[in-house]
Amino acid sequence: MQRDNLLTLKHAGVPLLIGTDGAADAAPAEAHYLVNLGVLTPREALVTLTETTPRFIFPERPLGRLAPGFEASFLVLQRDPTQDIGALLSITRRVKRGIELQLPH
């Protein structure tokens, strides 16, 4: 039933957002779940996670694109998440507002 409801919303043009009320780093697991459920493709999940959701949460901030005037916040991954959404867990670099953050050990 959840899949059908989400697909109905998606096909009606309702933006699906990825986030969680739980752990701060649980969003990749939710993206993976939506791909496995057949609601989103890996590419759609990536766009939802990195563009749609941040723009909804912070509409006044220039987020979600690598373009002039946008915040230089991004992740570098070992693999292409548009082919395998599990690649979201293969982070090799984190940059937030132009400053590289240390990866946890």
C-alpha atoms as a PDB file:
ATOM      1  CA  MET A   1       0.000   0.000   0.000  1.00  0.00           C
ATOM      2  CA  GLN A   2       2.852   2.405   0.811  1.00  0.00           C
ATOM      3  CA  ARG A   3       4.338   1.972  -2.666  1.00  0.00           C
ATOM      4  CA  ASP A   4       0.981   2.627  -4.327  1.00  0.00           C
ATOM      5  CA  ASN A   5       0.351   5.738  -2.218  1.00  0.00           C
ATOM      6  CA  LEU A   6       3.790   7.161  -2.920  1.00  0.00           C
ATOM      7  CA  LEU A   7       3.486   6.449  -6.644  1.00  0.00           C
ATOM      8  CA  THR A   8       0.072   8.156  -6.705  1.00  0.00           C
ATOM      9  CA  LEU A   9       1.616  11.249  -5.122  1.00  0.00           C
ATOM     10  CA  LYS A  10       4.616  11.146  -7.463  1.00  0.00           C
ATOM     11  CA  HIS A  11       2.450  10.822 -10.591  1.00  0.00           C
ATOM     12  CA  ALA A  12       0.257  13.689  -9.361  1.00  0.00           C
ATOM     13  CA  GLY A  13       3.347  15.918  -9.286  1.00  0.00           C
ATOM     14  CA  VAL A  14       3.717  16.081  -5.516  1.00  0.00           C
ATOM     15  CA  PRO A  15       7.407  16.501  -4.685  1.00  0.00           C
ATOM     16  CA  LEU A  16       8.644  13.598  -2.588  1.00  0.00           C
ATOM     17  CA  LEU A  17      11.188  14.601   0.022  1.00  0.00           C
ATOM     18  CA  ILE A  18      13.789  12.402   1.676  1.00  0.00           C
ATOM     19  CA  GLY A  19      14.558  12.943   5.304  1.00  0.00           C
ATOM     20  CA  THR A  20      14.058  11.441   8.685  1.00  0.00           C
ATOM     21  CA  ASP A  21      12.951  12.323  12.160  1.00  0.00           C
ATOM     22  CA  GLY A  22      15.500   9.823  13.437  1.00  0.00           C
ATOM     23  CA  ALA A  23      19.257   9.735  13.106  1.00  0.00           C
ATOM     24  CA  ALA A  24      20.819  12.581  11.153  1.00  0.00           C
ATOM     25  CA  ASP A  25      22.566  10.213   8.741  1.00  0.00           C
ATOM     26  CA  ALA A  26      19.533   7.992   7.983  1.00  0.00           C
ATOM     27  CA  ALA A  27      18.526   9.797   4.754  1.00  0.00           C
ATOM     28  CA  PRO A  28      20.689   7.572   2.492  1.00  0.00           C
ATOM     29  CA  ALA A  29      18.927   4.522   3.945  1.00  0.00           C
ATOM     30  CA  GLU A  30      15.560   6.116   3.189  1.00  0.00           C
ATOM     31  CA  ALA A  31      16.680   6.849  -0.384  1.00  0.00           C
ATOM     32  CA  HIS A  32      17.790   3.233  -0.739  1.00  0.00           C
ATOM     33  CA  TYR A  33      14.429   2.063   0.619  1.00  0.00           C
ATOM     34  CA  LEU A  34      12.475   4.176  -1.903  1.00  0.00           C
ATOM     35  CA  VAL A  35      14.571   2.805  -4.769  1.00  0.00           C
ATOM     36  CA  ASN A  36      14.106  -0.796  -3.591  1.00  0.00           C
ATOM     37  CA  LEU A  37      10.384  -0.142  -3.139  1.00  0.00           C
ATOM     38  CA  GLY A  38      10.181   0.888  -6.795  1.00  0.00           C
ATOM     39  CA  VAL A  39       9.037   4.434  -6.095  1.00  0.00           C
ATOM     40  CA  LEU A  40      12.179   6.206  -7.319  1.00  0.00           C
ATOM     41  CA  THR A  41      14.990   5.340  -9.690  1.00  0.00           C
ATOM     42  CA  PRO A  42      18.514   5.810  -8.309  1.00  0.00           C
ATOM     43  CA  ARG A  43      18.797   9.077 -10.298  1.00  0.00           C
ATOM     44  CA  GLU A  44      15.445  10.350  -8.962  1.00  0.00           C
ATOM     45  CA  ALA A  45      16.463   9.451  -5.415  1.00  0.00           C
ATOM     46  CA  LEU A  46      19.740  11.333  -5.794  1.00  0.00           C
ATOM     47  CA  VAL A  47      18.003  14.448  -7.162  1.00  0.00           C
ATOM     48  CA  THR A  48      15.394  14.258  -4.406  1.00  0.00           C
ATOM     49  CA  LEU A  49      18.049  13.879  -1.729  1.00  0.00           C
ATOM     50  CA  THR A  50      20.465  16.532  -3.007  1.00  0.00           C
ATOM     51  CA  GLU A  51      18.258  19.114  -4.742  1.00  0.00           C
ATOM     52  CA  THR A  52      14.535  18.862  -4.023  1.00  0.00           C
ATOM     53  CA  THR A  53      14.682  18.264  -0.282  1.00  0.00           C
ATOM     54  CA  PRO A  54      17.336  20.910   0.564  1.00  0.00           C
ATOM     55  CA  ARG A  55      15.534  23.539  -1.540  1.00  0.00           C
ATOM     56  CA  PHE A  56      12.274  22.750   0.257  1.00  0.00           C
ATOM     57  CA  ILE A  57      13.860  22.988   3.710  1.00  0.00           C
ATOM     58  CA  PHE A  58      15.947  26.088   2.908  1.00  0.00           C
ATOM     59  CA  PRO A  59      14.105  27.923   0.095  1.00  0.00           C
ATOM     60  CA  GLU A  60      16.104  31.135   0.554  1.00  0.00           C
ATOM     61  CA  ARG A  61      19.529  29.467   0.218  1.00  0.00           C
ATOM     62  CA  PRO A  62      21.209  28.670  -3.116  1.00  0.00           C
ATOM     63  CA  LEU A  63      21.568  24.896  -2.638  1.00  0.00           C
ATOM     64  CA  GLY A  64      21.580  21.705  -4.633  1.00  0.00           C
ATOM     65  CA  ARG A  65      23.630  22.657  -7.679  1.00  0.00           C
ATOM     66  CA  LEU A  66      27.279  22.975  -8.613  1.00  0.00           C
ATOM     67  CA  ALA A  67      26.947  26.381 -10.258  1.00  0.00           C
ATOM     68  CA  PRO A  68      28.179  29.946  -9.740  1.00  0.00           C
ATOM     69  CA  GLY A  69      26.442  31.610  -6.814  1.00  0.00           C
ATOM     70  CA  PHE A  70      25.461  28.334  -5.149  1.00  0.00           C
ATOM     71  CA  GLU A  71      26.914  27.118  -1.867  1.00  0.00           C
ATOM     72  CA  ALA A  72      29.952  24.918  -2.398  1.00  0.00           C
ATOM     73  CA  SER A  73      28.628  21.991  -0.381  1.00  0.00           C
ATOM     74  CA  PHE A  74      29.043  18.538  -1.864  1.00  0.00           C
ATOM     75  CA  LEU A  75      30.162  14.957  -1.343  1.00  0.00           C
ATOM     76  CA  VAL A  76      32.672  13.001  -3.395  1.00  0.00           C
ATOM     77  CA  LEU A  77      31.702   9.341  -3.792  1.00  0.00           C
ATOM     78  CA  GLN A  78      33.666   6.306  -4.949  1.00  0.00           C
ATOM     79  CA  ARG A  79      30.871   5.127  -7.244  1.00  0.00           C
ATOM     80  CA  ASP A  80      28.030   6.598  -9.300  1.00  0.00           C
ATOM     81  CA  PRO A  81      24.858   6.771  -7.169  1.00  0.00           C
ATOM     82  CA  THR A  82      22.674   7.143 -10.263  1.00  0.00           C
ATOM     83  CA  GLN A  83      23.603   3.555 -11.092  1.00  0.00           C
ATOM     84  CA  ASP A  84      23.698   2.188  -7.541  1.00  0.00           C
ATOM     85  CA  ILE A  85      22.030   4.173  -4.764  1.00  0.00           C
ATOM     86  CA  GLY A  86      24.167   2.240  -2.274  1.00  0.00           C
ATOM     87  CA  ALA A  87      27.070   4.385  -3.480  1.00  0.00           C
ATOM     88  CA  LEU A  88      25.758   7.128  -1.190  1.00  0.00           C
ATOM     89  CA  LEU A  89      27.625   5.310   1.559  1.00  0.00           C
ATOM     90  CA  SER A  90      30.976   5.418  -0.294  1.00  0.00           C
ATOM     91  CA  ILE A  91      31.921   8.979   0.678  1.00  0.00           C
ATOM     92  CA  THR A  92      35.576   9.904   0.118  1.00  0.00           C
ATOM     93  CA  ARG A  93      35.350  13.688   0.690  1.00  0.00           C
ATOM     94  CA  ARG A  94      32.890  16.095   2.316  1.00  0.00           C
ATOM     95  CA  VAL A  95      32.852  19.811   1.560  1.00  0.00           C
ATOM     96  CA  LYS A  96      30.471  22.201   3.316  1.00  0.00           C
ATOM     97  CA  ARG A  97      30.316  25.814   2.167  1.00  0.00           C
ATOM     98  CA  GLY A  98      33.731  25.441   0.595  1.00  0.00           C
ATOM     99  CA  ILE A  99      35.450  23.938   3.632  1.00  0.00           C
ATOM    100  CA  GLU A 100      36.547  20.310   3.556  1.00  0.00           C
ATOM    101  CA  LEU A 101      35.327  18.352   6.552  1.00  0.00           C
ATOM    102  CA  GLN A 102      37.170  15.445   8.077  1.00  0.00           C
ATOM    103  CA  LEU A 103      35.687  12.021   7.442  1.00  0.00           C
ATOM    104  CA  PRO A 104      34.885   9.932  10.516  1.00  0.00           C
ATOM    105  CA  HIS A 105      37.253   7.042  11.094  1.00  0.00           C
END
